[in-house]
Amino acid sequence: MTLTENELVEKHTGLVIVQAMKFHPTTLSDFDDYMSSGRIGLLKAIRHFDPGRDTKFSTYAAICIRREMIREVQRDKDSSTVNVGVNTVEDREKSFELWEILPDDLGDIEKRILEARILQNYTLKEIGEKFGRSKQWAGTMLKKIISKVRERYEKET
């Protein structure tokens, strides 16, 4: 069974979220920008992936997503040098702390797992060991957390 482009985007949105969080966005607006550029990268990955190569799609997609996000960072740097000192009321209103995008129902362990994965770049194996559990447990927990973040993000957009 071959998945459609939309189904592939839906299936791999968690990968876009994880990559966006690695850039440590400080505002909801920044997170939105990373998500948008990440989706573009994901679409490029879907359209250009060669299954004949010895690479997993998720590995290839992560590279494409990250590349688009880096371009987003570069665009921001380029535009900030041109518009130095420009700060509209609308920009200030969009400046929410990153924690506002996290769902309220994330438990302490879930927050610690997310912090270990995104901020400290722990592998799933290392996260499992940190909590006295398995790599599979850490992967399952991370998937649940990403689902909660995705649901929250989709409600906001």
Foldseek 3Di string as FASTA:
>chain_A
DDDDLVVQLVVCLLLQQLLLVLVVDFFPVSSVLLSVLLSVLQSVLVVPPDPVDPDDSSVSSNVSSNVSSVVVVVVVVVVCVVVPPDDDPVNVVRGDGPCVLFDPPQDPLLVVLSCCCRVVVDQLQRSQVVVVHHSVVSVVSSVVRSVRSVVSVVVVD
